[in-house]
């Protein structure tokens, strides 16, 4: 059950190599075993019945693969939208700082910018490694509390500042909601039992094709390799989408928070 996460953490080139080469090698090895156990005549006699049964296995694989890809895409899309929502909330807070102009609000502006930088740094240095490992994290709690106090405590003097305070609460709520969703992305990943099902059906689709033969063994090996490449590619795409924060490179990076760390 830990295999999908382990594959997602690998560098891209190594992940592609394993998810494509391993099914191809499995297909070719099974071909050697099957041709050693049965004669061409036995394969030919089982061709009609075997093809019908293989069609049934392929339909099951197609349904499971489709559901897995849809679920993995939903995880990736939700994680991407959550990240954008949190970053946009921080960006709007950063734009709001200069509204508190004047010498009197100089310490307030410094605290606001410092709180934004501190929160972004906590996300990058503490939350992100925990998300990559798939473990819970509360590393950014203190930084988020500082961010909240920095923007809610000041009392505006001008009308623009007082109006802005109402929007500030909305942006903080947006950041808080997105933060909770980001930290809970690990709980939204596909169940380990689903990955067991996907792996089982994938191996079945690769193995079952050898229960019936064709006129040419070389042609049968070539078709088996093509099927294995398709199966491996589907697995690779599903794994990368289901674990968007891990890998080298990952599907999602902390780039928006890194830019906020340079706020001055």
C-alpha atoms as a PDB file:
ATOM      1  CA  UNK A   1       0.000   0.000   0.000  1.00  0.00           C
ATOM      2  CA  UNK A   2       3.027   2.309   0.448  1.00  0.00           C
ATOM      3  CA  UNK A   3       4.274   1.611  -3.078  1.00  0.00           C
ATOM      4  CA  UNK A   4       2.341   4.443  -4.847  1.00  0.00           C
ATOM      5  CA  UNK A   5       3.675   7.108  -2.473  1.00  0.00           C
ATOM      6  CA  UNK A   6       7.174   5.684  -2.808  1.00  0.00           C
ATOM      7  CA  UNK A   7       6.955   5.830  -6.609  1.00  0.00           C
ATOM      8  CA  UNK A   8       5.651   9.406  -6.462  1.00  0.00           C
ATOM      9  CA  UNK A   9       8.686  10.522  -4.443  1.00  0.00           C
ATOM     10  CA  UNK A  10      11.162   9.308  -7.063  1.00  0.00           C
ATOM     11  CA  UNK A  11      12.770  11.624  -9.625  1.00  0.00           C
ATOM     12  CA  UNK A  12      10.706  11.888 -12.790  1.00  0.00           C
ATOM     13  CA  UNK A  13      13.116   9.905 -14.964  1.00  0.00           C
ATOM     14  CA  UNK A  14      13.358   7.069 -12.453  1.00  0.00           C
ATOM     15  CA  UNK A  15       9.588   6.971 -11.921  1.00  0.00           C
ATOM     16  CA  UNK A  16       9.018   6.701 -15.674  1.00  0.00           C
ATOM     17  CA  UNK A  17      11.666   4.007 -15.960  1.00  0.00           C
ATOM     18  CA  UNK A  18      10.149   1.881 -13.198  1.00  0.00           C
ATOM     19  CA  UNK A  19       6.474   2.264 -14.108  1.00  0.00           C
ATOM     20  CA  UNK A  20       7.131   1.534 -17.784  1.00  0.00           C
ATOM     21  CA  UNK A  21      10.068  -0.886 -17.700  1.00  0.00           C
ATOM     22  CA  UNK A  22       8.728  -3.049 -14.859  1.00  0.00           C
ATOM     23  CA  UNK A  23       5.414  -3.912 -16.626  1.00  0.00           C
ATOM     24  CA  UNK A  24       7.262  -4.585 -19.906  1.00  0.00           C
ATOM     25  CA  UNK A  25       9.741  -6.890 -18.180  1.00  0.00           C
ATOM     26  CA  UNK A  26       6.872  -8.599 -16.376  1.00  0.00           C
ATOM     27  CA  UNK A  27       5.053  -9.162 -19.660  1.00  0.00           C
ATOM     28  CA  UNK A  28       8.121 -10.598 -21.376  1.00  0.00           C
ATOM     29  CA  UNK A  29       8.963 -12.821 -18.396  1.00  0.00           C
ATOM     30  CA  UNK A  30       5.426 -14.185 -18.265  1.00  0.00           C
ATOM     31  CA  UNK A  31       5.665 -14.912 -21.969  1.00  0.00           C
ATOM     32  CA  UNK A  32       8.802 -16.987 -21.422  1.00  0.00           C
ATOM     33  CA  UNK A  33       7.112 -18.910 -18.598  1.00  0.00           C
ATOM     34  CA  UNK A  34       3.918 -19.562 -20.547  1.00  0.00           C
ATOM     35  CA  UNK A  35       5.751 -20.731 -23.681  1.00  0.00           C
ATOM     36  CA  UNK A  36       7.795 -23.062 -21.487  1.00  0.00           C
ATOM     37  CA  UNK A  37       4.667 -24.566 -19.896  1.00  0.00           C
ATOM     38  CA  UNK A  38       2.343 -24.896 -22.876  1.00  0.00           C
ATOM     39  CA  UNK A  39       2.668 -25.817 -26.527  1.00  0.00           C
ATOM     40  CA  UNK A  40       1.564 -23.628 -29.477  1.00  0.00           C
ATOM     41  CA  UNK A  41      -1.250 -26.114 -30.127  1.00  0.00           C
ATOM     42  CA  UNK A  42      -2.605 -25.626 -26.611  1.00  0.00           C
ATOM     43  CA  UNK A  43      -2.460 -21.870 -27.007  1.00  0.00           C
ATOM     44  CA  UNK A  44      -4.286 -22.059 -30.321  1.00  0.00           C
ATOM     45  CA  UNK A  45      -6.990 -24.300 -28.860  1.00  0.00           C
ATOM     46  CA  UNK A  46      -7.621 -21.772 -26.097  1.00  0.00           C
ATOM     47  CA  UNK A  47      -7.531 -18.728 -28.408  1.00  0.00           C
ATOM     48  CA  UNK A  48     -11.291 -18.193 -28.794  1.00  0.00           C
ATOM     49  CA  UNK A  49     -12.271 -18.735 -25.162  1.00  0.00           C
ATOM     50  CA  UNK A  50      -9.161 -16.924 -23.899  1.00  0.00           C
ATOM     51  CA  UNK A  51      -9.832 -13.867 -26.087  1.00  0.00           C
ATOM     52  CA  UNK A  52     -13.389 -13.595 -24.752  1.00  0.00           C
ATOM     53  CA  UNK A  53     -12.238 -13.839 -21.150  1.00  0.00           C
ATOM     54  CA  UNK A  54      -9.404 -11.390 -21.778  1.00  0.00           C
ATOM     55  CA  UNK A  55     -11.918  -8.915 -23.140  1.00  0.00           C
ATOM     56  CA  UNK A  56     -13.763  -9.158 -19.822  1.00  0.00           C
ATOM     57  CA  UNK A  57     -10.526  -8.544 -17.877  1.00  0.00           C
ATOM     58  CA  UNK A  58      -9.718  -5.543 -20.076  1.00  0.00           C
ATOM     59  CA  UNK A  59     -13.167  -4.034 -19.428  1.00  0.00           C
ATOM     60  CA  UNK A  60     -12.618  -4.338 -15.685  1.00  0.00           C
ATOM     61  CA  UNK A  61      -9.170  -2.771 -16.032  1.00  0.00           C
ATOM     62  CA  UNK A  62     -10.562   0.093 -18.112  1.00  0.00           C
ATOM     63  CA  UNK A  63     -13.238   0.835 -15.505  1.00  0.00           C
ATOM     64  CA  UNK A  64     -10.792   0.711 -12.582  1.00  0.00           C
ATOM     65  CA  UNK A  65      -8.186   2.786 -14.423  1.00  0.00           C
ATOM     66  CA  UNK A  66     -10.772   5.405 -15.376  1.00  0.00           C
ATOM     67  CA  UNK A  67     -12.067   5.712 -11.805  1.00  0.00           C
ATOM     68  CA  UNK A  68      -8.507   5.948 -10.487  1.00  0.00           C
ATOM     69  CA  UNK A  69      -7.552   8.670 -12.960  1.00  0.00           C
ATOM     70  CA  UNK A  70     -10.705  10.654 -12.191  1.00  0.00           C
ATOM     71  CA  UNK A  71     -10.087  10.388  -8.446  1.00  0.00           C
ATOM     72  CA  UNK A  72      -6.413  11.319  -8.833  1.00  0.00           C
ATOM     73  CA  UNK A  73      -7.279  14.292 -11.058  1.00  0.00           C
ATOM     74  CA  UNK A  74      -9.786  15.504  -8.461  1.00  0.00           C
ATOM     75  CA  UNK A  75      -7.088  15.345  -5.760  1.00  0.00           C
ATOM     76  CA  UNK A  76      -4.645  17.303  -7.920  1.00  0.00           C
ATOM     77  CA  UNK A  77      -7.189  19.907  -9.016  1.00  0.00           C
ATOM     78  CA  UNK A  78      -8.422  20.470  -5.452  1.00  0.00           C
ATOM     79  CA  UNK A  79      -4.843  20.814  -4.158  1.00  0.00           C
ATOM     80  CA  UNK A  80      -3.961  23.268  -6.952  1.00  0.00           C
ATOM     81  CA  UNK A  81      -7.058  25.408  -6.376  1.00  0.00           C
ATOM     82  CA  UNK A  82      -6.459  25.392  -2.617  1.00  0.00           C
ATOM     83  CA  UNK A  83      -2.863  26.518  -3.076  1.00  0.00           C
ATOM     84  CA  UNK A  84      -3.928  29.327  -5.399  1.00  0.00           C
ATOM     85  CA  UNK A  85      -6.641  30.426  -2.992  1.00  0.00           C
ATOM     86  CA  UNK A  86      -4.248  30.613  -0.049  1.00  0.00           C
ATOM     87  CA  UNK A  87      -1.590  32.443  -2.055  1.00  0.00           C
ATOM     88  CA  UNK A  88      -4.087  34.947  -3.459  1.00  0.00           C
ATOM     89  CA  UNK A  89      -5.356  35.693   0.066  1.00  0.00           C
ATOM     90  CA  UNK A  90      -1.786  36.397   1.221  1.00  0.00           C
ATOM     91  CA  UNK A  91      -1.188  38.571  -1.851  1.00  0.00           C
ATOM     92  CA  UNK A  92      -4.263  40.694  -1.130  1.00  0.00           C
ATOM     93  CA  UNK A  93      -3.135  41.110   2.480  1.00  0.00           C
ATOM     94  CA  UNK A  94       0.273  42.251   1.233  1.00  0.00           C
ATOM     95  CA  UNK A  95      -1.367  44.821  -1.039  1.00  0.00           C
ATOM     96  CA  UNK A  96      -3.457  46.091   1.861  1.00  0.00           C
ATOM     97  CA  UNK A  97      -0.444  46.976   4.010  1.00  0.00           C
ATOM     98  CA  UNK A  98       0.255  50.336   2.347  1.00  0.00           C
ATOM     99  CA  UNK A  99      -3.262  51.524   3.108  1.00  0.00           C
ATOM    100  CA  UNK A 100      -2.074  52.026   6.684  1.00  0.00           C
ATOM    101  CA  UNK A 101       0.070  54.979   5.656  1.00  0.00           C
ATOM    102  CA  UNK A 102       1.640  57.646   7.799  1.00  0.00           C
ATOM    103  CA  UNK A 103       4.372  57.706  10.399  1.00  0.00           C
ATOM    104  CA  UNK A 104       2.044  56.489  13.150  1.00  0.00           C
ATOM    105  CA  UNK A 105       1.365  53.206  11.348  1.00  0.00           C
ATOM    106  CA  UNK A 106       5.011  52.487  10.454  1.00  0.00           C
ATOM    107  CA  UNK A 107       5.353  49.788  13.185  1.00  0.00           C
ATOM    108  CA  UNK A 108       2.006  48.323  12.093  1.00  0.00           C
ATOM    109  CA  UNK A 109       3.161  48.046   8.481  1.00  0.00           C
ATOM    110  CA  UNK A 110       6.422  46.445   9.565  1.00  0.00           C
ATOM    111  CA  UNK A 111       4.573  43.896  11.702  1.00  0.00           C
ATOM    112  CA  UNK A 112       2.145  43.075   8.865  1.00  0.00           C
ATOM    113  CA  UNK A 113       4.932  42.468   6.366  1.00  0.00           C
ATOM    114  CA  UNK A 114       6.928  40.516   8.928  1.00  0.00           C
ATOM    115  CA  UNK A 115       3.896  38.344   9.720  1.00  0.00           C
ATOM    116  CA  UNK A 116       3.367  37.572   6.021  1.00  0.00           C
ATOM    117  CA  UNK A 117       7.036  36.658   5.566  1.00  0.00           C
ATOM    118  CA  UNK A 118       6.989  34.552   8.729  1.00  0.00           C
ATOM    119  CA  UNK A 119       3.891  32.653   7.648  1.00  0.00           C
ATOM    120  CA  UNK A 120       5.231  32.006   4.141  1.00  0.00           C
ATOM    121  CA  UNK A 121       8.522  30.779   5.612  1.00  0.00           C
ATOM    122  CA  UNK A 122       6.678  28.451   8.018  1.00  0.00           C
ATOM    123  CA  UNK A 123       4.683  26.966   5.145  1.00  0.00           C
ATOM    124  CA  UNK A 124       7.837  26.319   3.102  1.00  0.00           C
ATOM    125  CA  UNK A 125      10.102  25.059   5.889  1.00  0.00           C
ATOM    126  CA  UNK A 126       7.634  23.165   8.107  1.00  0.00           C
ATOM    127  CA  UNK A 127       4.341  22.431   6.374  1.00  0.00           C
ATOM    128  CA  UNK A 128       5.761  21.451   2.994  1.00  0.00           C
ATOM    129  CA  UNK A 129       8.119  18.670   4.180  1.00  0.00           C
ATOM    130  CA  UNK A 130       5.284  17.197   6.256  1.00  0.00           C
ATOM    131  CA  UNK A 131       2.922  17.299   3.272  1.00  0.00           C
ATOM    132  CA  UNK A 132       5.521  15.582   1.120  1.00  0.00           C
ATOM    133  CA  UNK A 133       5.879  12.853   3.724  1.00  0.00           C
ATOM    134  CA  UNK A 134       2.096  12.522   4.044  1.00  0.00           C
ATOM    135  CA  UNK A 135       2.117  13.308   7.767  1.00  0.00           C
ATOM    136  CA  UNK A 136       0.060  15.868   9.754  1.00  0.00           C
ATOM    137  CA  UNK A 137       1.683  19.217  10.473  1.00  0.00           C
ATOM    138  CA  UNK A 138       0.973  22.132  12.789  1.00  0.00           C
ATOM    139  CA  UNK A 139       4.238  23.940  12.135  1.00  0.00           C
ATOM    140  CA  UNK A 140       2.601  27.073  10.743  1.00  0.00           C
ATOM    141  CA  UNK A 141       0.077  27.505  13.591  1.00  0.00           C
ATOM    142  CA  UNK A 142       2.070  30.130  15.483  1.00  0.00           C
ATOM    143  CA  UNK A 143       2.880  32.024  12.287  1.00  0.00           C
ATOM    144  CA  UNK A 144      -0.772  32.048  11.254  1.00  0.00           C
ATOM    145  CA  UNK A 145      -1.836  33.335  14.666  1.00  0.00           C
ATOM    146  CA  UNK A 146       0.707  36.150  14.341  1.00  0.00           C
ATOM    147  CA  UNK A 147      -0.637  36.931  10.873  1.00  0.00           C
ATOM    148  CA  UNK A 148      -4.187  37.097  12.229  1.00  0.00           C
ATOM    149  CA  UNK A 149      -3.288  39.432  15.082  1.00  0.00           C
ATOM    150  CA  UNK A 150      -1.180  41.661  12.827  1.00  0.00           C
ATOM    151  CA  UNK A 151      -4.144  42.428  10.563  1.00  0.00           C
ATOM    152  CA  UNK A 152      -7.079  42.299  12.980  1.00  0.00           C
ATOM    153  CA  UNK A 153      -5.706  44.243  15.932  1.00  0.00           C
ATOM    154  CA  UNK A 154      -4.895  47.645  14.320  1.00  0.00           C
ATOM    155  CA  UNK A 155      -7.696  50.214  14.389  1.00  0.00           C
ATOM    156  CA  UNK A 156      -8.029  52.305  11.261  1.00  0.00           C
ATOM    157  CA  UNK A 157      -8.298  56.092  11.407  1.00  0.00           C
ATOM    158  CA  UNK A 158      -9.393  56.988   7.901  1.00  0.00           C
ATOM    159  CA  UNK A 159     -12.511  55.660   6.176  1.00  0.00           C
ATOM    160  CA  UNK A 160     -10.416  53.664   3.696  1.00  0.00           C
ATOM    161  CA  UNK A 161      -8.624  51.908   6.528  1.00  0.00           C
ATOM    162  CA  UNK A 162     -11.856  51.089   8.332  1.00  0.00           C
ATOM    163  CA  UNK A 163     -13.435  49.702   5.165  1.00  0.00           C
ATOM    164  CA  UNK A 164     -10.289  47.713   4.462  1.00  0.00           C
ATOM    165  CA  UNK A 165     -10.467  46.074   7.884  1.00  0.00           C
ATOM    166  CA  UNK A 166     -13.731  44.424   6.882  1.00  0.00           C
ATOM    167  CA  UNK A 167     -12.128  42.955   3.744  1.00  0.00           C
ATOM    168  CA  UNK A 168      -9.044  41.951   5.711  1.00  0.00           C
ATOM    169  CA  UNK A 169     -11.140  39.600   7.826  1.00  0.00           C
ATOM    170  CA  UNK A 170     -12.473  37.994   4.631  1.00  0.00           C
ATOM    171  CA  UNK A 171      -8.978  37.494   3.231  1.00  0.00           C
ATOM    172  CA  UNK A 172      -7.761  36.003   6.504  1.00  0.00           C
ATOM    173  CA  UNK A 173     -10.722  33.644   6.467  1.00  0.00           C
ATOM    174  CA  UNK A 174      -9.815  32.671   2.905  1.00  0.00           C
ATOM    175  CA  UNK A 175      -6.228  31.931   3.943  1.00  0.00           C
ATOM    176  CA  UNK A 176      -7.420  29.949   6.980  1.00  0.00           C
ATOM    177  CA  UNK A 177      -9.851  27.851   4.944  1.00  0.00           C
ATOM    178  CA  UNK A 178      -7.282  27.128   2.243  1.00  0.00           C
ATOM    179  CA  UNK A 179      -4.617  26.351   4.839  1.00  0.00           C
ATOM    180  CA  UNK A 180      -6.793  23.718   6.511  1.00  0.00           C
ATOM    181  CA  UNK A 181      -7.621  22.178   3.136  1.00  0.00           C
ATOM    182  CA  UNK A 182      -3.931  22.138   2.149  1.00  0.00           C
ATOM    183  CA  UNK A 183      -2.847  20.471   5.380  1.00  0.00           C
ATOM    184  CA  UNK A 184      -5.569  17.821   5.059  1.00  0.00           C
ATOM    185  CA  UNK A 185      -4.696  16.848   1.478  1.00  0.00           C
ATOM    186  CA  UNK A 186      -3.017  13.694   2.802  1.00  0.00           C
ATOM    187  CA  UNK A 187      -6.353  12.443   4.100  1.00  0.00           C
ATOM    188  CA  UNK A 188      -7.902  12.888   0.645  1.00  0.00           C
ATOM    189  CA  UNK A 189      -5.522  10.600  -1.181  1.00  0.00           C
ATOM    190  CA  UNK A 190      -6.827   7.397  -2.704  1.00  0.00           C
ATOM    191  CA  UNK A 191      -7.256   4.571  -0.228  1.00  0.00           C
ATOM    192  CA  UNK A 192      -4.546   1.957  -0.026  1.00  0.00           C
ATOM    193  CA  UNK A 193      -7.126  -0.697  -0.909  1.00  0.00           C
ATOM    194  CA  UNK A 194      -7.882   1.160  -4.141  1.00  0.00           C
ATOM    195  CA  UNK A 195      -4.202   1.067  -5.063  1.00  0.00           C
ATOM    196  CA  UNK A 196      -4.154  -2.669  -4.289  1.00  0.00           C
ATOM    197  CA  UNK A 197      -7.110  -3.083  -6.664  1.00  0.00           C
ATOM    198  CA  UNK A 198      -5.416  -1.026  -9.367  1.00  0.00           C
ATOM    199  CA  UNK A 199      -2.174  -2.978  -9.100  1.00  0.00           C
ATOM    200  CA  UNK A 200      -4.018  -6.323  -9.097  1.00  0.00           C
ATOM    201  CA  UNK A 201      -6.097  -5.506 -12.158  1.00  0.00           C
ATOM    202  CA  UNK A 202      -3.047  -4.092 -13.954  1.00  0.00           C
ATOM    203  CA  UNK A 203      -1.050  -7.280 -13.385  1.00  0.00           C
ATOM    204  CA  UNK A 204      -4.065  -9.328 -14.480  1.00  0.00           C
ATOM    205  CA  UNK A 205      -4.348  -7.354 -17.729  1.00  0.00           C
ATOM    206  CA  UNK A 206      -0.661  -7.960 -18.441  1.00  0.00           C
ATOM    207  CA  UNK A 207      -0.682 -11.652 -17.475  1.00  0.00           C
ATOM    208  CA  UNK A 208      -4.006 -12.860 -18.887  1.00  0.00           C
ATOM    209  CA  UNK A 209      -3.060 -12.107 -22.510  1.00  0.00           C
ATOM    210  CA  UNK A 210      -0.637 -15.043 -22.449  1.00  0.00           C
ATOM    211  CA  UNK A 211      -3.388 -17.643 -22.056  1.00  0.00           C
ATOM    212  CA  UNK A 212      -3.990 -17.649 -25.778  1.00  0.00           C
ATOM    213  CA  UNK A 213      -1.497 -17.514 -28.624  1.00  0.00           C
ATOM    214  CA  UNK A 214      -1.128 -16.267 -32.152  1.00  0.00           C
ATOM    215  CA  UNK A 215       0.549 -17.224 -35.368  1.00  0.00           C
ATOM    216  CA  UNK A 216       3.782 -15.459 -34.448  1.00  0.00           C
ATOM    217  CA  UNK A 217       5.431 -15.526 -31.026  1.00  0.00           C
ATOM    218  CA  UNK A 218       7.401 -12.357 -31.869  1.00  0.00           C
ATOM    219  CA  UNK A 219       4.176 -10.530 -32.693  1.00  0.00           C
ATOM    220  CA  UNK A 220       2.645 -11.722 -29.417  1.00  0.00           C
ATOM    221  CA  UNK A 221       5.651 -10.431 -27.467  1.00  0.00           C
ATOM    222  CA  UNK A 222       5.426  -7.053 -29.246  1.00  0.00           C
ATOM    223  CA  UNK A 223       1.723  -6.670 -28.458  1.00  0.00           C
ATOM    224  CA  UNK A 224       2.331  -7.668 -24.854  1.00  0.00           C
ATOM    225  CA  UNK A 225       5.018  -5.001 -24.531  1.00  0.00           C
ATOM    226  CA  UNK A 226       2.700  -2.324 -25.948  1.00  0.00           C
ATOM    227  CA  UNK A 227      -0.060  -3.291 -23.509  1.00  0.00           C
ATOM    228  CA  UNK A 228       2.434  -3.199 -20.639  1.00  0.00           C
ATOM    229  CA  UNK A 229       3.594   0.303 -21.642  1.00  0.00           C
ATOM    230  CA  UNK A 230      -0.014   1.526 -21.641  1.00  0.00           C
ATOM    231  CA  UNK A 231      -0.674  -0.007 -18.208  1.00  0.00           C
ATOM    232  CA  UNK A 232       2.525   1.470 -16.773  1.00  0.00           C
ATOM    233  CA  UNK A 233       1.821   4.930 -18.187  1.00  0.00           C
ATOM    234  CA  UNK A 234      -1.692   4.964 -16.719  1.00  0.00           C
ATOM    235  CA  UNK A 235      -0.265   4.015 -13.317  1.00  0.00           C
ATOM    236  CA  UNK A 236       2.395   6.737 -13.533  1.00  0.00           C
ATOM    237  CA  UNK A 237      -0.114   9.477 -14.382  1.00  0.00           C
ATOM    238  CA  UNK A 238      -2.505   8.386 -11.611  1.00  0.00           C
ATOM    239  CA  UNK A 239       0.288   8.276  -9.024  1.00  0.00           C
ATOM    240  CA  UNK A 240       1.694  11.694  -9.926  1.00  0.00           C
ATOM    241  CA  UNK A 241      -1.769  13.300  -9.810  1.00  0.00           C
ATOM    242  CA  UNK A 242      -2.709  11.609  -6.525  1.00  0.00           C
ATOM    243  CA  UNK A 243       0.444  12.874  -4.768  1.00  0.00           C
ATOM    244  CA  UNK A 244       0.855  16.407  -6.174  1.00  0.00           C
ATOM    245  CA  UNK A 245       3.256  17.665  -3.480  1.00  0.00           C
ATOM    246  CA  UNK A 246       5.911  14.948  -3.800  1.00  0.00           C
ATOM    247  CA  UNK A 247       8.411  14.007  -6.463  1.00  0.00           C
ATOM    248  CA  UNK A 248      11.321  15.604  -8.276  1.00  0.00           C
ATOM    249  CA  UNK A 249       9.879  17.814  -9.623  1.00  0.00           C
ATOM    250  CA  UNK A 250       6.473  17.776  -7.876  1.00  0.00           C
ATOM    251  CA  UNK A 251       3.269  18.740  -9.626  1.00  0.00           C
ATOM    252  CA  UNK A 252       2.795  21.603  -7.130  1.00  0.00           C
ATOM    253  CA  UNK A 253       5.605  23.680  -5.620  1.00  0.00           C
ATOM    254  CA  UNK A 254       5.739  26.340  -2.868  1.00  0.00           C
ATOM    255  CA  UNK A 255       6.752  29.016  -5.391  1.00  0.00           C
ATOM    256  CA  UNK A 256       3.976  31.486  -4.356  1.00  0.00           C
ATOM    257  CA  UNK A 257       5.107  31.334  -0.731  1.00  0.00           C
ATOM    258  CA  UNK A 258       8.757  31.730  -1.675  1.00  0.00           C
ATOM    259  CA  UNK A 259       7.905  35.012  -3.376  1.00  0.00           C
ATOM    260  CA  UNK A 260       6.035  36.174  -0.266  1.00  0.00           C
ATOM    261  CA  UNK A 261       9.130  35.511   1.832  1.00  0.00           C
ATOM    262  CA  UNK A 262      10.863  38.393  -0.045  1.00  0.00           C
ATOM    263  CA  UNK A 263       8.118  40.910   0.784  1.00  0.00           C
ATOM    264  CA  UNK A 264       9.572  44.241   1.917  1.00  0.00           C
END
